[in-house]
Protein backbone atom coordinates (compact mmCIF):
# COMPACT_ATOMS: atom_id res chain seq x y z
CA UNK A 1 -3.18 -5.22 10.14
CA UNK A 2 -4.36 -4.42 6.68
CA UNK A 3 -5.60 -7.78 5.36
CA UNK A 4 -7.85 -6.76 2.46
CA UNK A 5 -7.67 -4.03 -0.15
CA UNK A 6 -9.71 -2.97 -3.15
CA UNK A 7 -7.01 -2.51 -5.78
CA UNK A 8 -7.41 -1.02 -9.21
CA UNK A 9 -7.43 -3.17 -12.29
CA UNK A 10 -4.31 -3.24 -14.46
CA UNK A 11 -6.01 -1.34 -17.39
CA UNK A 12 -6.96 1.42 -14.96
CA UNK A 13 -3.34 1.75 -13.78
CA UNK A 14 -2.15 1.85 -17.39
CA UNK A 15 -4.69 4.62 -18.18
CA UNK A 16 -3.56 6.56 -15.09
CA UNK A 17 0.07 6.24 -16.10
CA UNK A 18 -0.73 7.37 -19.66
CA UNK A 19 -2.57 10.39 -18.24
CA UNK A 20 0.42 11.17 -16.00
CA UNK A 21 2.81 11.10 -18.93
CA UNK A 22 0.55 13.23 -21.15
CA UNK A 23 -0.76 15.81 -18.63
CA UNK A 24 1.36 15.55 -15.52
CA UNK A 25 -1.61 14.24 -13.52
CA UNK A 26 -2.56 10.62 -12.98
CA UNK A 27 -6.27 10.34 -13.64
CA UNK A 28 -8.34 7.21 -13.31
CA UNK A 29 -11.50 7.42 -15.38
CA UNK A 30 -14.76 6.77 -13.56
CA UNK A 31 -15.49 3.05 -13.64
CA UNK A 32 -18.64 1.48 -14.97
CA UNK A 33 -20.80 0.74 -11.90
CA UNK A 34 -21.52 -2.70 -13.40
CA UNK A 35 -17.83 -3.64 -13.15
CA UNK A 36 -17.23 -5.85 -10.17
CA UNK A 37 -13.99 -4.95 -8.42
CA UNK A 38 -12.64 -7.95 -6.59
CA UNK A 39 -10.92 -7.35 -3.29
CA UNK A 40 -7.37 -8.60 -2.89
CA UNK A 41 -6.11 -10.64 0.04
CA UNK A 42 -2.58 -11.80 0.98
CA UNK A 43 -1.44 -14.37 -1.56
CA UNK A 44 -3.22 -12.76 -4.51
CA UNK A 45 -1.56 -10.96 -7.39
CA UNK A 46 -2.10 -7.19 -7.35
CA UNK A 47 -1.27 -4.54 -9.97
CA UNK A 48 0.85 -1.69 -8.58
CA UNK A 49 3.38 0.98 -9.55
CA UNK A 50 7.13 0.46 -9.37
CA UNK A 51 9.96 2.73 -10.47
CA UNK A 52 12.26 1.46 -13.22
CA UNK A 53 16.01 2.06 -13.30
CA UNK A 54 15.45 5.41 -15.06
CA UNK A 55 13.17 6.63 -12.26
CA UNK A 56 10.00 6.32 -14.35
CA UNK A 57 6.84 4.73 -12.99
CA UNK A 58 5.61 1.55 -14.63
CA UNK A 59 2.83 -0.92 -13.94
CA UNK A 60 3.84 -4.26 -12.48
CA UNK A 61 2.06 -7.13 -10.79
CA UNK A 62 3.28 -8.69 -7.59
CA UNK A 63 1.98 -11.29 -5.13
CA UNK A 64 0.86 -9.80 -1.85
CA UNK A 65 3.05 -11.21 0.89
CA UNK A 66 6.71 -12.22 1.34
CA UNK A 67 7.62 -15.74 2.34
CA UNK A 68 9.68 -15.71 5.57
CA UNK A 69 11.04 -18.34 7.90
CA UNK A 70 9.63 -17.84 11.42
CA UNK A 71 10.51 -20.42 14.07
CA UNK A 72 11.65 -22.87 11.39
CA UNK A 73 8.34 -22.64 9.50
CA UNK A 74 7.47 -20.76 6.30
CA UNK A 75 5.06 -17.90 6.88
CA UNK A 76 3.55 -15.26 4.57
CA UNK A 77 4.25 -11.74 5.84
CA UNK A 78 2.00 -9.25 4.13
CA UNK A 79 2.52 -6.09 6.18
CA UNK A 80 5.82 -4.38 6.92
CA UNK A 81 6.27 -2.33 10.05
CA UNK A 82 7.99 0.92 9.05
CA UNK A 83 10.05 0.94 12.25
CA UNK A 84 11.33 -2.60 11.66
CA UNK A 85 12.15 -1.92 8.00
CA UNK A 86 14.09 1.23 8.92
CA UNK A 87 16.11 -0.59 11.59
CA UNK A 88 16.90 -3.40 9.17
CA UNK A 89 17.94 -0.91 6.45
CA UNK A 90 20.36 0.70 8.91
CA UNK A 91 21.87 -2.64 9.89
CA UNK A 92 21.83 -4.02 6.33
CA UNK A 93 20.26 -7.28 7.56
CA UNK A 94 16.80 -8.71 7.63
CA UNK A 95 13.85 -9.39 5.36
CA UNK A 96 13.06 -5.74 4.79
CA UNK A 97 16.57 -4.25 4.42
CA UNK A 98 16.62 -4.54 0.61
CA UNK A 99 12.96 -3.80 -0.18
CA UNK A 100 12.79 -0.63 2.00
CA UNK A 101 16.09 0.62 0.53
CA UNK A 102 15.60 -0.21 -3.13
CA UNK A 103 12.14 -1.71 -3.59
CA UNK A 104 9.62 0.94 -2.56
CA UNK A 105 6.45 0.85 -4.60
CA UNK A 106 2.98 2.40 -4.75
CA UNK A 107 -0.20 0.38 -4.22
CA UNK A 108 -3.23 2.21 -5.74
CA UNK A 109 -6.48 1.27 -3.97
CA UNK A 110 -10.06 2.37 -3.61
CA UNK A 111 -10.15 1.26 0.03
CA UNK A 112 -8.51 -0.90 2.66
CA UNK A 113 -10.04 -2.91 5.46
CA UNK A 114 -9.22 -3.68 9.07
CA UNK A 115 -10.89 -6.38 11.15
CA UNK A 116 -13.16 -4.96 13.87
CA UNK A 117 -13.05 -7.77 16.39
CA UNK A 118 -15.60 -6.32 18.82
CA UNK A 119 -18.28 -6.33 16.11
CA UNK A 120 -17.01 -9.43 14.27
CA UNK A 121 -16.81 -7.63 10.95
CA UNK A 122 -14.46 -5.52 8.86
CA UNK A 123 -14.25 -1.74 8.75
CA UNK A 124 -13.64 -0.06 5.37
CA UNK A 125 -11.34 2.98 5.09
CA UNK A 126 -11.25 5.32 2.15
CA UNK A 127 -9.76 8.75 1.41
CA UNK A 128 -12.35 11.53 1.62
CA UNK A 129 -12.93 13.22 -1.73
CA UNK A 130 -10.86 10.72 -3.76
CA UNK A 131 -11.98 7.62 -5.64
CA UNK A 132 -8.42 6.28 -5.57
CA UNK A 133 -5.45 6.74 -3.22
CA UNK A 134 -2.00 5.24 -2.72
CA UNK A 135 -0.58 2.98 -0.01
CA UNK A 136 3.18 2.82 0.53
CA UNK A 137 4.58 -0.60 -0.30
CA UNK A 138 7.84 -2.46 -0.64
CA UNK A 139 8.55 -5.16 -3.20
CA UNK A 140 11.05 -7.43 -4.86
CA UNK A 141 10.74 -9.04 -8.30
CA UNK A 142 7.85 -11.25 -7.30
CA UNK A 143 6.22 -10.05 -4.09
CA UNK A 144 5.11 -6.92 -2.26
CA UNK A 145 4.03 -5.91 1.22
CA UNK A 146 2.01 -2.95 2.53
CA UNK A 147 4.03 -0.70 4.88
CA UNK A 148 2.35 0.07 8.19
CA UNK A 149 2.72 2.69 10.94
CA UNK A 150 1.05 3.79 14.17
CA UNK A 151 -2.69 4.40 13.58
CA UNK A 152 -4.19 7.81 13.28
CA UNK A 153 -7.34 8.88 15.18
CA UNK A 154 -9.64 7.32 12.55
CA UNK A 155 -8.02 3.85 12.62
CA UNK A 156 -6.99 3.67 16.30
CA UNK A 157 -10.45 2.62 17.58
CA UNK A 158 -10.26 -0.47 15.31
CA UNK A 159 -6.61 -1.51 15.09
CA UNK A 160 -3.13 -0.85 16.49
CA UNK A 161 -1.56 -0.36 13.04
CA UNK A 162 -2.53 1.20 9.75
CA UNK A 163 -1.12 1.28 6.21
CA UNK A 164 1.01 4.29 5.32
CA UNK A 165 -1.60 6.14 3.30
CA UNK A 166 -0.04 8.69 0.96
CA UNK A 167 -1.64 12.05 0.45
CA UNK A 168 -1.46 14.13 -2.74
CA UNK A 169 2.18 14.72 -3.82
CA UNK A 170 3.57 12.25 -1.23
CA UNK A 171 4.44 9.56 -3.76
CA UNK A 172 7.60 11.57 -4.57
CA UNK A 173 8.39 11.68 -0.84
CA UNK A 174 7.98 7.89 -0.60
CA UNK A 175 10.52 7.46 -3.39
CA UNK A 176 12.94 10.05 -1.93
CA UNK A 177 15.57 9.96 0.79
CA UNK A 178 13.30 11.51 3.43
CA UNK A 179 10.55 8.81 3.17
CA UNK A 180 10.74 7.86 6.90
CA UNK A 181 8.83 11.05 7.82
CA UNK A 182 5.72 9.51 6.24
CA UNK A 183 5.45 7.21 9.27
CA UNK A 184 3.49 9.95 11.05
CA UNK A 185 -0.04 9.82 9.66
CA UNK A 186 -1.64 11.59 12.64
CA UNK A 187 -2.87 14.48 10.47
CA UNK A 188 -4.31 12.19 7.79
CA UNK A 189 -8.12 11.96 7.76
CA UNK A 190 -9.90 8.86 6.48
CA UNK A 191 -13.56 7.94 5.91
CA UNK A 192 -14.72 4.97 7.98
CA UNK A 193 -17.66 2.68 7.18
CA UNK A 194 -18.70 -0.78 8.31
CA UNK A 195 -18.10 -3.40 5.60
């Protein structure tokens, strides 16, 4: 499961949102190579995009991971299986019923990581030709989770799940009624490097 991401900094998200409102395209300016970008792990606060009641994007910060009761113990759940969330939305019950129905969000990242157990290290995934890309997420007022699906050919050698990586123009699909079709990422290509 996705357990580490390289998110953008809040000022970068605010600049991208300003660019989107002015030009219709969200642009993130090149960053100063001297700027250290900390990776985020479950339990850390991450800047992301949410939609307000008027349907406009805004920058928010949420803690990565929902608190859930599993076997009578509290556990942080930081990834959301798309299949489970859809089933819970249909039944109207479960941890993900509300967030997948009314709390979808966008998590801008430079990369995400999966553990590569055979080599004892992480593998870094990025989007070819893009400095920044979006992961599908779900959130409430305080927390968010990365939505996962079956892995594509690039991720499958390393893990049995992958984040729902959104391609260009797919953020509108993630917000729309037909978002479940994004669970198929088999045609998505990602760059893979050892971390």
